[in-house]
């Protein structure tokens, strides 16, 4: 066995990425697998199927790693190694670390996917020299990881950072799946932008995006591109999303007083949208963020995998 690498597993909403990562953050091998909308029991079975395939078909760069790290969607009891739930509809607390340690003979640690990504920023990314920072992920959903004095703030149930349900528009006509109006995730995330598009497309029959109305989703980048071309519906969705994301950042700064904010996720990584959000950040509020706001330096395709490795390397 080797302690120089970690077997990392990054589980998202529709895919599982497995790879072997060095302590420096260099990814030696990796393979992607499709998952889907599954129960927790089905997800665990699928993870084991994929991991067995990975070991059989990809193998290890050298000796078998002695540690494994997982970044999982949903709520995690990090200290006890229990996957509490994916969401309120898929809840079945499961002792994941015990199961995987027994089957694969590797020390196993698990954490929430966004917290894992925050740990990756501290270990491998733009926060190596920063002890007080926020990692804010704006992608399909919205979540955050907060570092204070070099330590990740977890909360007593390890459920801190679920900031997608902070209200940024009290007069919004958008109802979040949690039941509240004006949640930032319902306005500024990829899923929120898509849901608002389908709710409003009937009011904009001349929109260049009307071809998407026959589908189930619309990618945020298509909305942003149409907004650049002057499409009124795309412009509304993009402006509202930027307003919501900026309001969220300003609120988080007031709450936690970070030195730096690192932004990641597919939605905020769009250059035009990123600039729109930054243009809305009030100077007087942001002047305390002495190391500024920046996009993640880590490849967005592999941030989750590096996060899982960072979990596995934690002592």
Protein backbone atom coordinates (compact mmCIF):
# COMPACT_ATOMS: atom_id res chain seq x y z
CA UNK A 1 0.00 0.00 0.00
CA UNK A 2 1.02 3.63 -0.60
CA UNK A 3 0.18 6.75 1.42
CA UNK A 4 1.32 9.10 -1.37
CA UNK A 5 -1.94 8.87 -3.30
CA UNK A 6 -5.64 8.88 -2.52
CA UNK A 7 -8.44 7.09 -4.34
CA UNK A 8 -11.00 9.87 -4.82
CA UNK A 9 -14.71 9.50 -5.62
CA UNK A 10 -16.78 12.54 -6.60
CA UNK A 11 -20.53 11.86 -6.72
CA UNK A 12 -22.73 14.50 -8.35
CA UNK A 13 -26.36 14.51 -9.36
CA UNK A 14 -25.82 12.58 -12.60
CA UNK A 15 -22.24 11.28 -12.59
CA UNK A 16 -19.53 9.64 -10.54
CA UNK A 17 -15.90 10.51 -11.16
CA UNK A 18 -13.25 8.17 -9.74
CA UNK A 19 -9.55 8.93 -9.82
CA UNK A 20 -6.20 8.52 -8.12
CA UNK A 21 -4.69 11.78 -6.86
CA UNK A 22 -1.23 12.59 -5.52
CA UNK A 23 -0.67 14.71 -2.41
CA UNK A 24 0.35 17.58 -4.72
CA UNK A 25 -3.07 17.50 -6.41
CA UNK A 26 -1.89 15.86 -9.61
CA UNK A 27 -4.50 13.49 -11.01
CA UNK A 28 -2.80 10.29 -12.14
CA UNK A 29 -5.79 8.36 -13.46
CA UNK A 30 -9.52 8.96 -13.68
CA UNK A 31 -12.73 7.55 -15.16
CA UNK A 32 -16.25 8.93 -15.36
CA UNK A 33 -19.45 6.93 -14.81
CA UNK A 34 -23.11 7.87 -15.27
CA UNK A 35 -25.43 7.56 -12.28
CA UNK A 36 -28.83 9.31 -12.37
CA UNK A 37 -31.66 10.05 -9.95
CA UNK A 38 -31.31 7.18 -7.48
CA UNK A 39 -32.17 6.41 -3.88
CA UNK A 40 -29.32 6.33 -1.38
CA UNK A 41 -29.25 2.54 -1.37
CA UNK A 42 -29.15 2.51 -5.17
CA UNK A 43 -26.40 5.16 -5.18
CA UNK A 44 -24.24 3.14 -2.79
CA UNK A 45 -24.72 0.02 -4.89
CA UNK A 46 -23.84 1.99 -8.02
CA UNK A 47 -20.72 3.47 -6.41
CA UNK A 48 -19.49 -0.01 -5.53
CA UNK A 49 -20.20 -1.30 -9.04
CA UNK A 50 -18.25 1.59 -10.55
CA UNK A 51 -15.38 1.29 -8.08
CA UNK A 52 -15.07 -2.43 -8.78
CA UNK A 53 -14.96 -1.65 -12.50
CA UNK A 54 -12.38 1.10 -11.95
CA UNK A 55 -10.06 -1.19 -10.01
CA UNK A 56 -10.46 -3.92 -12.64
CA UNK A 57 -10.15 -1.79 -15.81
CA UNK A 58 -8.08 1.25 -14.79
CA UNK A 59 -6.11 0.05 -11.78
CA UNK A 60 -3.60 2.01 -9.74
CA UNK A 61 -0.59 4.05 -10.79
CA UNK A 62 1.65 2.18 -8.37
CA UNK A 63 0.95 0.38 -5.15
CA UNK A 64 -2.62 0.22 -3.94
CA UNK A 65 -3.53 3.48 -2.08
CA UNK A 66 -4.21 3.10 1.62
CA UNK A 67 -6.82 5.87 1.74
CA UNK A 68 -10.05 6.79 0.01
CA UNK A 69 -11.94 10.10 0.01
CA UNK A 70 -15.50 10.74 -1.12
CA UNK A 71 -17.39 13.94 -1.90
CA UNK A 72 -21.13 13.16 -1.81
CA UNK A 73 -24.22 15.22 -2.49
CA UNK A 74 -26.49 15.91 0.46
CA UNK A 75 -25.98 15.95 4.22
CA UNK A 76 -23.00 14.11 5.70
CA UNK A 77 -22.10 13.28 9.29
CA UNK A 78 -18.38 13.74 8.62
CA UNK A 79 -17.06 12.69 12.02
CA UNK A 80 -19.01 9.40 12.11
CA UNK A 81 -18.77 8.65 8.39
CA UNK A 82 -22.54 8.55 7.86
CA UNK A 83 -24.29 9.69 4.70
CA UNK A 84 -27.43 11.15 6.29
CA UNK A 85 -29.44 11.96 3.16
CA UNK A 86 -29.30 13.12 -0.43
CA UNK A 87 -32.30 15.39 0.09
CA UNK A 88 -35.54 15.39 2.08
CA UNK A 89 -37.11 12.91 -0.34
CA UNK A 90 -34.14 10.53 -0.28
CA UNK A 91 -33.12 10.01 3.32
CA UNK A 92 -31.60 6.75 4.55
CA UNK A 93 -28.67 7.30 6.98
CA UNK A 94 -25.91 4.88 5.98
CA UNK A 95 -22.47 4.22 7.54
CA UNK A 96 -20.57 4.64 4.26
CA UNK A 97 -17.04 4.72 5.68
CA UNK A 98 -17.51 1.46 7.54
CA UNK A 99 -18.94 -0.27 4.48
CA UNK A 100 -16.15 0.82 2.16
CA UNK A 101 -13.31 0.32 4.64
CA UNK A 102 -14.44 -3.25 5.23
CA UNK A 103 -14.88 -4.08 1.54
CA UNK A 104 -11.83 -2.32 0.06
CA UNK A 105 -9.36 -2.29 2.94
CA UNK A 106 -8.64 1.44 2.68
CA UNK A 107 -9.07 4.16 5.27
CA UNK A 108 -12.19 5.99 4.06
CA UNK A 109 -13.46 9.51 4.78
CA UNK A 110 -16.53 11.27 3.36
CA UNK A 111 -17.84 14.81 3.19
CA UNK A 112 -20.43 16.94 1.43
CA UNK A 113 -19.46 17.81 -2.16
CA UNK A 114 -19.32 21.60 -1.67
CA UNK A 115 -17.36 21.30 1.57
CA UNK A 116 -15.02 18.95 -0.27
CA UNK A 117 -14.53 21.56 -2.99
CA UNK A 118 -13.76 24.16 -0.32
CA UNK A 119 -11.14 21.83 1.15
CA UNK A 120 -9.67 21.49 -2.35
CA UNK A 121 -9.30 25.27 -2.55
CA UNK A 122 -7.39 25.27 0.72
CA UNK A 123 -5.15 22.31 -0.11
CA UNK A 124 -4.63 22.66 -3.86
CA UNK A 125 -6.15 25.96 -5.04
CA UNK A 126 -6.22 29.69 -4.52
CA UNK A 127 -6.64 29.60 -0.74
CA UNK A 128 -3.37 27.87 0.18
CA UNK A 129 -2.14 31.07 1.86
CA UNK A 130 -5.54 32.22 3.18
CA UNK A 131 -7.14 31.21 6.48
CA UNK A 132 -10.36 33.25 6.23
CA UNK A 133 -12.22 32.67 2.99
CA UNK A 134 -15.50 31.63 1.41
CA UNK A 135 -15.75 29.13 -1.39
CA UNK A 136 -19.05 29.83 -3.16
CA UNK A 137 -20.31 27.36 -5.76
CA UNK A 138 -22.88 28.68 -8.25
CA UNK A 139 -23.73 25.86 -10.60
CA UNK A 140 -26.77 23.63 -10.89
CA UNK A 141 -27.39 24.56 -7.25
CA UNK A 142 -25.76 27.00 -4.84
CA UNK A 143 -23.71 26.15 -1.75
CA UNK A 144 -20.73 27.46 0.18
CA UNK A 145 -17.84 26.44 2.37
CA UNK A 146 -16.57 28.85 5.05
CA UNK A 147 -13.03 28.80 6.42
CA UNK A 148 -12.23 30.58 9.69
CA UNK A 149 -8.69 30.51 11.14
CA UNK A 150 -7.77 27.85 8.62
CA UNK A 151 -10.59 25.50 9.63
CA UNK A 152 -13.74 24.58 7.76
CA UNK A 153 -16.89 25.63 9.61
CA UNK A 154 -19.21 22.64 9.67
CA UNK A 155 -22.08 23.35 12.06
CA UNK A 156 -23.23 20.87 14.68
CA UNK A 157 -24.82 18.58 12.05
CA UNK A 158 -22.17 19.31 9.41
CA UNK A 159 -24.87 21.10 7.43
CA UNK A 160 -23.47 24.64 7.30
CA UNK A 161 -23.14 26.38 3.96
CA UNK A 162 -26.62 25.57 2.59
CA UNK A 163 -26.96 29.20 1.56
CA UNK A 164 -29.00 28.58 -1.60
CA UNK A 165 -32.11 29.22 0.46
CA UNK A 166 -31.19 32.70 1.63
CA UNK A 167 -33.76 35.18 0.35
CA UNK A 168 -32.46 37.84 -2.04
CA UNK A 169 -35.81 39.14 -3.37
CA UNK A 170 -38.73 39.39 -0.95
CA UNK A 171 -41.07 40.49 -3.76
CA UNK A 172 -40.14 37.70 -6.14
CA UNK A 173 -42.80 35.75 -8.02
CA UNK A 174 -40.45 32.73 -8.00
CA UNK A 175 -41.32 30.01 -5.50
CA UNK A 176 -38.42 27.77 -4.48
CA UNK A 177 -38.96 24.02 -4.01
CA UNK A 178 -38.42 24.65 -0.28
CA UNK A 179 -41.66 26.67 -0.30
CA UNK A 180 -40.20 30.16 0.19
CA UNK A 181 -40.17 32.98 -2.36
CA UNK A 182 -37.04 34.66 -3.63
CA UNK A 183 -34.40 32.10 -2.63
CA UNK A 184 -31.15 32.81 -4.42
CA UNK A 185 -30.93 29.23 -5.72
CA UNK A 186 -34.32 29.66 -7.41
CA UNK A 187 -33.06 32.80 -9.17
CA UNK A 188 -29.30 32.53 -9.74
CA UNK A 189 -28.47 28.82 -10.05
CA UNK A 190 -28.52 26.83 -13.26
CA UNK A 191 -31.65 24.94 -12.16
CA UNK A 192 -33.28 28.20 -11.04
CA UNK A 193 -32.60 29.99 -14.32
CA UNK A 194 -34.00 26.99 -16.20
CA UNK A 195 -37.15 26.81 -14.05
CA UNK A 196 -37.80 30.53 -14.44
CA UNK A 197 -37.37 30.24 -18.21
CA UNK A 198 -40.16 27.66 -18.46
CA UNK A 199 -42.38 29.70 -16.14
CA UNK A 200 -42.00 32.83 -18.28
CA UNK A 201 -41.51 31.67 -21.87
CA UNK A 202 -45.27 31.96 -22.51
CA UNK A 203 -45.00 35.71 -21.97
CA UNK A 204 -42.26 36.01 -24.62
CA UNK A 205 -43.46 34.23 -27.79
CA UNK A 206 -40.85 36.04 -29.92
CA UNK A 207 -37.90 34.98 -27.76
CA UNK A 208 -34.97 33.44 -29.63
CA UNK A 209 -34.98 30.76 -26.93
CA UNK A 210 -38.48 29.48 -27.72
CA UNK A 211 -37.07 26.30 -29.30
CA UNK A 212 -36.02 25.18 -25.80
CA UNK A 213 -39.66 25.35 -24.63
CA UNK A 214 -40.26 21.81 -25.92
CA UNK A 215 -37.54 20.36 -23.71
CA UNK A 216 -37.14 19.91 -19.97
CA UNK A 217 -34.16 22.17 -19.26
CA UNK A 218 -32.22 25.02 -20.77
CA UNK A 219 -28.49 25.52 -20.08
CA UNK A 220 -27.55 28.78 -18.40
CA UNK A 221 -24.90 29.51 -21.03
CA UNK A 222 -27.61 29.55 -23.74
CA UNK A 223 -29.54 32.12 -21.72
CA UNK A 224 -26.43 34.27 -21.21
CA UNK A 225 -25.56 34.13 -24.91
CA UNK A 226 -29.09 35.14 -25.92
CA UNK A 227 -28.95 38.01 -23.42
CA UNK A 228 -25.83 39.31 -25.19
CA UNK A 229 -27.83 39.31 -28.43
CA UNK A 230 -30.56 41.43 -26.86
CA UNK A 231 -33.23 38.79 -26.22
CA UNK A 232 -35.62 40.34 -23.66
CA UNK A 233 -36.46 37.14 -21.76
CA UNK A 234 -32.81 36.07 -21.58
CA UNK A 235 -31.90 39.59 -20.48
CA UNK A 236 -34.44 39.49 -17.65
CA UNK A 237 -33.28 36.09 -16.42
CA UNK A 238 -29.62 37.06 -16.62
CA UNK A 239 -30.06 40.41 -14.88
CA UNK A 240 -32.09 38.85 -12.07
CA UNK A 241 -29.55 36.04 -11.66
CA UNK A 242 -26.66 38.52 -11.45
CA UNK A 243 -28.56 40.69 -8.95
CA UNK A 244 -29.28 37.67 -6.78
CA UNK A 245 -25.72 36.33 -6.85
CA UNK A 246 -24.27 39.75 -6.00
CA UNK A 247 -26.74 40.24 -3.14
CA UNK A 248 -25.77 36.83 -1.78
CA UNK A 249 -22.05 37.62 -1.86
CA UNK A 250 -22.56 40.97 -0.13
CA UNK A 251 -24.67 39.34 2.60
CA UNK A 252 -22.06 36.60 3.17
CA UNK A 253 -19.30 39.20 3.47
CA UNK A 254 -21.25 41.02 6.18
CA UNK A 255 -21.83 37.77 8.05
CA UNK A 256 -18.38 36.17 7.92
CA UNK A 257 -15.80 38.92 7.13
CA UNK A 258 -13.57 36.87 4.76
CA UNK A 259 -10.17 37.86 3.38
CA UNK A 260 -11.00 36.26 0.03
CA UNK A 261 -13.94 34.86 -1.90
CA UNK A 262 -13.38 32.07 -4.43
CA UNK A 263 -16.16 31.41 -6.90
CA UNK A 264 -16.70 28.10 -8.64
CA UNK A 265 -19.37 26.24 -10.57
CA UNK A 266 -20.54 26.18 -14.16
CA UNK A 267 -22.85 29.20 -13.96
CA UNK A 268 -20.46 31.70 -12.38
CA UNK A 269 -17.60 30.44 -14.56
CA UNK A 270 -19.26 32.07 -17.58
CA UNK A 271 -17.02 35.16 -18.15
CA UNK A 272 -19.86 37.55 -19.01
CA UNK A 273 -21.98 36.50 -16.04
CA UNK A 274 -18.97 36.65 -13.71
CA UNK A 275 -18.28 40.26 -14.78
CA UNK A 276 -21.94 41.21 -14.31
CA UNK A 277 -21.90 39.85 -10.75
CA UNK A 278 -18.61 41.58 -9.88
CA UNK A 279 -19.91 44.90 -11.27
CA UNK A 280 -22.74 44.72 -8.74
CA UNK A 281 -20.52 44.27 -5.68
CA UNK A 282 -20.60 47.41 -3.53
CA UNK A 283 -17.11 48.86 -2.95
CA UNK A 284 -17.70 49.88 0.66
CA UNK A 285 -18.92 46.42 1.61
CA UNK A 286 -16.18 44.65 -0.32
CA UNK A 287 -13.20 46.73 0.79
CA UNK A 288 -12.71 44.44 3.81
CA UNK A 289 -12.18 41.50 1.42
CA UNK A 290 -8.52 42.42 1.12
CA UNK A 291 -7.52 39.48 -1.11
CA UNK A 292 -10.43 40.05 -3.44
CA UNK A 293 -12.89 37.93 -5.37
CA UNK A 294 -11.62 35.42 -7.92
CA UNK A 295 -12.72 32.46 -9.98
CA UNK A 296 -11.43 29.10 -8.85
CA UNK A 297 -8.01 28.26 -10.28
CA UNK A 298 -8.91 24.56 -10.30
CA UNK A 299 -10.22 22.92 -13.46
CA UNK A 300 -14.02 22.88 -12.97
CA UNK A 301 -14.19 19.38 -14.47
CA UNK A 302 -12.03 18.03 -11.64
CA UNK A 303 -12.68 20.32 -8.67
CA UNK A 304 -14.98 17.71 -7.13
CA UNK A 305 -12.41 14.95 -7.61
CA UNK A 306 -9.71 17.09 -6.00
CA UNK A 307 -12.16 17.87 -3.21
CA UNK A 308 -12.72 14.17 -2.58
CA UNK A 309 -8.94 13.69 -2.49
CA UNK A 310 -8.61 16.56 -0.01
CA UNK A 311 -11.15 14.78 2.21
CA UNK A 312 -9.16 11.56 1.97
CA UNK A 313 -5.88 13.28 2.83
CA UNK A 314 -7.35 15.00 5.92
CA UNK A 315 -5.93 13.85 9.24
